[in-house]
Amino acid sequence: MVVVDPEKLAATEFRHGPIRKRCVIYRGENGQDGDILYRNVEDYLKSLV
């Protein structure tokens, strides 16, 4: 679930600090929809090494 509700985003920023980017990590293909990034979980984990 991608948070797009402005109230929920504001509450998250209040509790955890500014949101710099939004990224969904899942088993599908890498991509982007507006300012939301979609990253394949395997590619993401490999990039951490």
PDB file of N, CA and C in Angstrom:
ATOM      1  N   MET A   1       0.842  -1.177   0.000  1.00  0.00           N
ATOM      2  CA  MET A   1       0.000   0.000   0.000  1.00  0.00           C
ATOM      3  C   MET A   1       0.889   1.243   0.000  1.00  0.00           C
ATOM      4  N   VAL A   2       0.658   2.109  -0.906  1.00  0.00           N
ATOM      5  CA  VAL A   2       1.405   3.357  -0.999  1.00  0.00           C
ATOM      6  C   VAL A   2       0.592   4.451  -0.319  1.00  0.00           C
ATOM      7  N   VAL A   3       1.230   5.156   0.580  1.00  0.00           N
ATOM      8  CA  VAL A   3       0.523   6.216   1.309  1.00  0.00           C
ATOM      9  C   VAL A   3       0.459   7.460   0.440  1.00  0.00           C
ATOM     10  N   VAL A   4      -0.746   7.870   0.099  1.00  0.00           N
ATOM     11  CA  VAL A   4      -0.938   9.084  -0.686  1.00  0.00           C
ATOM     12  C   VAL A   4      -1.837  10.083   0.043  1.00  0.00           C
ATOM     13  N   ASP A   5      -2.408   9.685   1.163  1.00  0.00           N
ATOM     14  CA  ASP A   5      -3.271  10.549   1.958  1.00  0.00           C
ATOM     15  C   ASP A   5      -2.411  11.622   2.636  1.00  0.00           C
ATOM     16  N   PRO A   6      -2.668  12.906   2.350  1.00  0.00           N
ATOM     17  CA  PRO A   6      -1.851  13.979   2.924  1.00  0.00           C
ATOM     18  C   PRO A   6      -1.805  13.968   4.453  1.00  0.00           C
ATOM     19  N   GLU A   7      -2.904  13.607   5.100  1.00  0.00           N
ATOM     20  CA  GLU A   7      -2.917  13.558   6.567  1.00  0.00           C
ATOM     21  C   GLU A   7      -1.987  12.469   7.092  1.00  0.00           C
ATOM     22  N   LYS A   8      -1.992  11.301   6.448  1.00  0.00           N
ATOM     23  CA  LYS A   8      -1.116  10.211   6.873  1.00  0.00           C
ATOM     24  C   LYS A   8       0.344  10.546   6.604  1.00  0.00           C
ATOM     25  N   LEU A   9       0.618  11.201   5.472  1.00  0.00           N
ATOM     26  CA  LEU A   9       1.983  11.624   5.176  1.00  0.00           C
ATOM     27  C   LEU A   9       2.465  12.628   6.219  1.00  0.00           C
ATOM     28  N   ALA A  10       1.620  13.580   6.585  1.00  0.00           N
ATOM     29  CA  ALA A  10       1.985  14.589   7.588  1.00  0.00           C
ATOM     30  C   ALA A  10       2.229  13.931   8.943  1.00  0.00           C
ATOM     31  N   ALA A  11       1.391  12.967   9.321  1.00  0.00           N
ATOM     32  CA  ALA A  11       1.562  12.274  10.599  1.00  0.00           C
ATOM     33  C   ALA A  11       2.864  11.472  10.605  1.00  0.00           C
ATOM     34  N   THR A  12       3.187  10.846   9.482  1.00  0.00           N
ATOM     35  CA  THR A  12       4.429  10.076   9.375  1.00  0.00           C
ATOM     36  C   THR A  12       5.635  10.995   9.478  1.00  0.00           C
ATOM     37  N   GLU A  13       5.589  12.131   8.795  1.00  0.00           N
ATOM     38  CA  GLU A  13       6.694  13.084   8.870  1.00  0.00           C
ATOM     39  C   GLU A  13       6.844  13.657  10.275  1.00  0.00           C
ATOM     40  N   PHE A  14       5.749  13.900  10.950  1.00  0.00           N
ATOM     41  CA  PHE A  14       5.808  14.422  12.317  1.00  0.00           C
ATOM     42  C   PHE A  14       6.519  13.435  13.233  1.00  0.00           C
ATOM     43  N   ARG A  15       6.229  12.163  13.037  1.00  0.00           N
ATOM     44  CA  ARG A  15       6.788  11.137  13.921  1.00  0.00           C
ATOM     45  C   ARG A  15       8.213  10.723  13.535  1.00  0.00           C
ATOM     46  N   HIS A  16       8.509  10.650  12.232  1.00  0.00           N
ATOM     47  CA  HIS A  16       9.781  10.082  11.777  1.00  0.00           C
ATOM     48  C   HIS A  16      10.688  11.061  11.042  1.00  0.00           C
ATOM     49  N   GLY A  17      10.245  12.268  10.782  1.00  0.00           N
ATOM     50  CA  GLY A  17      11.050  13.238  10.048  1.00  0.00           C
ATOM     51  C   GLY A  17      10.613  13.332   8.600  1.00  0.00           C
ATOM     52  N   PRO A  18      11.256  14.209   7.846  1.00  0.00           N
ATOM     53  CA  PRO A  18      10.839  14.462   6.459  1.00  0.00           C
ATOM     54  C   PRO A  18      10.921  13.217   5.570  1.00  0.00           C
ATOM     55  N   ILE A  19       9.942  13.088   4.707  1.00  0.00           N
ATOM     56  CA  ILE A  19       9.943  12.014   3.716  1.00  0.00           C
ATOM     57  C   ILE A  19      10.704  12.548   2.505  1.00  0.00           C
ATOM     58  N   ARG A  20      11.819  11.902   2.177  1.00  0.00           N
ATOM     59  CA  ARG A  20      12.639  12.361   1.048  1.00  0.00           C
ATOM     60  C   ARG A  20      12.228  11.708  -0.254  1.00  0.00           C
ATOM     61  N   LYS A  21      11.769  10.458  -0.185  1.00  0.00           N
ATOM     62  CA  LYS A  21      11.242   9.793  -1.377  1.00  0.00           C
ATOM     63  C   LYS A  21      10.388   8.625  -0.922  1.00  0.00           C
ATOM     64  N   ARG A  22       9.527   8.187  -1.817  1.00  0.00           N
ATOM     65  CA  ARG A  22       8.661   7.042  -1.517  1.00  0.00           C
ATOM     66  C   ARG A  22       9.051   5.907  -2.445  1.00  0.00           C
ATOM     67  N   CYS A  23       9.263   4.746  -1.868  1.00  0.00           N
ATOM     68  CA  CYS A  23       9.708   3.586  -2.623  1.00  0.00           C
ATOM     69  C   CYS A  23       8.942   2.354  -2.151  1.00  0.00           C
ATOM     70  N   VAL A  24       8.413   1.612  -3.107  1.00  0.00           N
ATOM     71  CA  VAL A  24       7.719   0.354  -2.830  1.00  0.00           C
ATOM     72  C   VAL A  24       8.673  -0.767  -3.213  1.00  0.00           C
ATOM     73  N   ILE A  25       8.966  -1.644  -2.254  1.00  0.00           N
ATOM     74  CA  ILE A  25       9.835  -2.789  -2.532  1.00  0.00           C
ATOM     75  C   ILE A  25       8.931  -4.014  -2.636  1.00  0.00           C
ATOM     76  N   TYR A  26       8.952  -4.656  -3.802  1.00  0.00           N
ATOM     77  CA  TYR A  26       8.048  -5.783  -4.049  1.00  0.00           C
ATOM     78  C   TYR A  26       8.677  -6.730  -5.055  1.00  0.00           C
ATOM     79  N   ARG A  27       7.964  -7.779  -5.449  1.00  0.00           N
ATOM     80  CA  ARG A  27       8.521  -8.811  -6.330  1.00  0.00           C
ATOM     81  C   ARG A  27       8.336  -8.531  -7.809  1.00  0.00           C
ATOM     82  N   GLY A  28       7.763  -7.405  -8.151  1.00  0.00           N
ATOM     83  CA  GLY A  28       7.527  -7.074  -9.559  1.00  0.00           C
ATOM     84  C   GLY A  28       8.718  -6.390 -10.197  1.00  0.00           C
ATOM     85  N   GLU A  29       8.467  -5.777 -11.348  1.00  0.00           N
ATOM     86  CA  GLU A  29       9.497  -5.097 -12.120  1.00  0.00           C
ATOM     87  C   GLU A  29       9.818  -3.725 -11.520  1.00  0.00           C
ATOM     88  N   ASN A  30      11.061  -3.272 -11.729  1.00  0.00           N
ATOM     89  CA  ASN A  30      11.446  -1.922 -11.331  1.00  0.00           C
ATOM     90  C   ASN A  30      10.691  -0.918 -12.190  1.00  0.00           C
ATOM     91  N   GLY A  31      10.344   0.201 -11.599  1.00  0.00           N
ATOM     92  CA  GLY A  31       9.659   1.235 -12.360  1.00  0.00           C
ATOM     93  C   GLY A  31       9.429   2.471 -11.524  1.00  0.00           C
ATOM     94  N   GLN A  32       8.694   3.407 -12.088  1.00  0.00           N
ATOM     95  CA  GLN A  32       8.393   4.652 -11.406  1.00  0.00           C
ATOM     96  C   GLN A  32       7.036   5.134 -11.865  1.00  0.00           C
ATOM     97  N   ASP A  33       6.253   5.651 -10.933  1.00  0.00           N
ATOM     98  CA  ASP A  33       4.950   6.224 -11.227  1.00  0.00           C
ATOM     99  C   ASP A  33       4.910   7.585 -10.539  1.00  0.00           C
ATOM    100  N   GLY A  34       5.172   8.636 -11.300  1.00  0.00           N
ATOM    101  CA  GLY A  34       5.271   9.967 -10.695  1.00  0.00           C
ATOM    102  C   GLY A  34       6.494  10.020  -9.798  1.00  0.00           C
ATOM    103  N   ASP A  35       6.289  10.374  -8.522  1.00  0.00           N
ATOM    104  CA  ASP A  35       7.413  10.445  -7.593  1.00  0.00           C
ATOM    105  C   ASP A  35       7.564   9.176  -6.750  1.00  0.00           C
ATOM    106  N   ILE A  36       6.809   8.132  -7.064  1.00  0.00           N
ATOM    107  CA  ILE A  36       6.876   6.874  -6.317  1.00  0.00           C
ATOM    108  C   ILE A  36       7.718   5.868  -7.105  1.00  0.00           C
ATOM    109  N   LEU A  37       8.770   5.358  -6.455  1.00  0.00           N
ATOM    110  CA  LEU A  37       9.648   4.371  -7.077  1.00  0.00           C
ATOM    111  C   LEU A  37       9.165   2.968  -6.727  1.00  0.00           C
ATOM    112  N   TYR A  38       9.257   2.065  -7.665  1.00  0.00           N
ATOM    113  CA  TYR A  38       8.938   0.659  -7.451  1.00  0.00           C
ATOM    114  C   TYR A  38      10.208  -0.130  -7.699  1.00  0.00           C
ATOM    115  N   ARG A  39      10.658  -0.888  -6.705  1.00  0.00           N
ATOM    116  CA  ARG A  39      11.908  -1.631  -6.818  1.00  0.00           C
ATOM    117  C   ARG A  39      11.682  -3.107  -6.547  1.00  0.00           C
ATOM    118  N   ASN A  40      12.276  -3.932  -7.397  1.00  0.00           N
ATOM    119  CA  ASN A  40      12.239  -5.374  -7.214  1.00  0.00           C
ATOM    120  C   ASN A  40      13.053  -5.710  -5.970  1.00  0.00           C
ATOM    121  N   VAL A  41      12.528  -6.545  -5.104  1.00  0.00           N
ATOM    122  CA  VAL A  41      13.168  -6.846  -3.832  1.00  0.00           C
ATOM    123  C   VAL A  41      14.547  -7.478  -4.017  1.00  0.00           C
ATOM    124  N   GLU A  42      14.697  -8.363  -4.989  1.00  0.00           N
ATOM    125  CA  GLU A  42      15.995  -9.006  -5.219  1.00  0.00           C
ATOM    126  C   GLU A  42      17.034  -7.986  -5.688  1.00  0.00           C
ATOM    127  N   ASP A  43      16.641  -7.122  -6.617  1.00  0.00           N
ATOM    128  CA  ASP A  43      17.556  -6.077  -7.093  1.00  0.00           C
ATOM    129  C   ASP A  43      17.937  -5.139  -5.965  1.00  0.00           C
ATOM    130  N   TYR A  44      16.960  -4.793  -5.135  1.00  0.00           N
ATOM    131  CA  TYR A  44      17.214  -3.885  -4.012  1.00  0.00           C
ATOM    132  C   TYR A  44      18.218  -4.495  -3.035  1.00  0.00           C
ATOM    133  N   LEU A  45      18.006  -5.748  -2.666  1.00  0.00           N
ATOM    134  CA  LEU A  45      18.908  -6.395  -1.707  1.00  0.00           C
ATOM    135  C   LEU A  45      20.310  -6.558  -2.290  1.00  0.00           C
ATOM    136  N   LYS A  46      20.422  -6.865  -3.574  1.00  0.00           N
ATOM    137  CA  LYS A  46      21.738  -6.983  -4.206  1.00  0.00           C
ATOM    138  C   LYS A  46      22.468  -5.648  -4.219  1.00  0.00           C
ATOM    139  N   SER A  47      21.720  -4.544  -4.319  1.00  0.00           N
ATOM    140  CA  SER A  47      22.347  -3.228  -4.360  1.00  0.00           C
ATOM    141  C   SER A  47      22.920  -2.806  -3.012  1.00  0.00           C
ATOM    142  N   LEU A  48      22.530  -3.472  -1.938  1.00  0.00           N
ATOM    143  CA  LEU A  48      23.012  -3.119  -0.608  1.00  0.00           C
ATOM    144  C   LEU A  48      24.397  -3.671  -0.311  1.00  0.00           C
ATOM    145  N   VAL A  49      24.842  -4.649  -1.095  1.00  0.00           N
ATOM    146  CA  VAL A  49      26.140  -5.292  -0.847  1.00  0.00           C
ATOM    147  C   VAL A  49      27.270  -4.444  -1.338  1.00  0.00           C
TER     148      VAL A  49
END
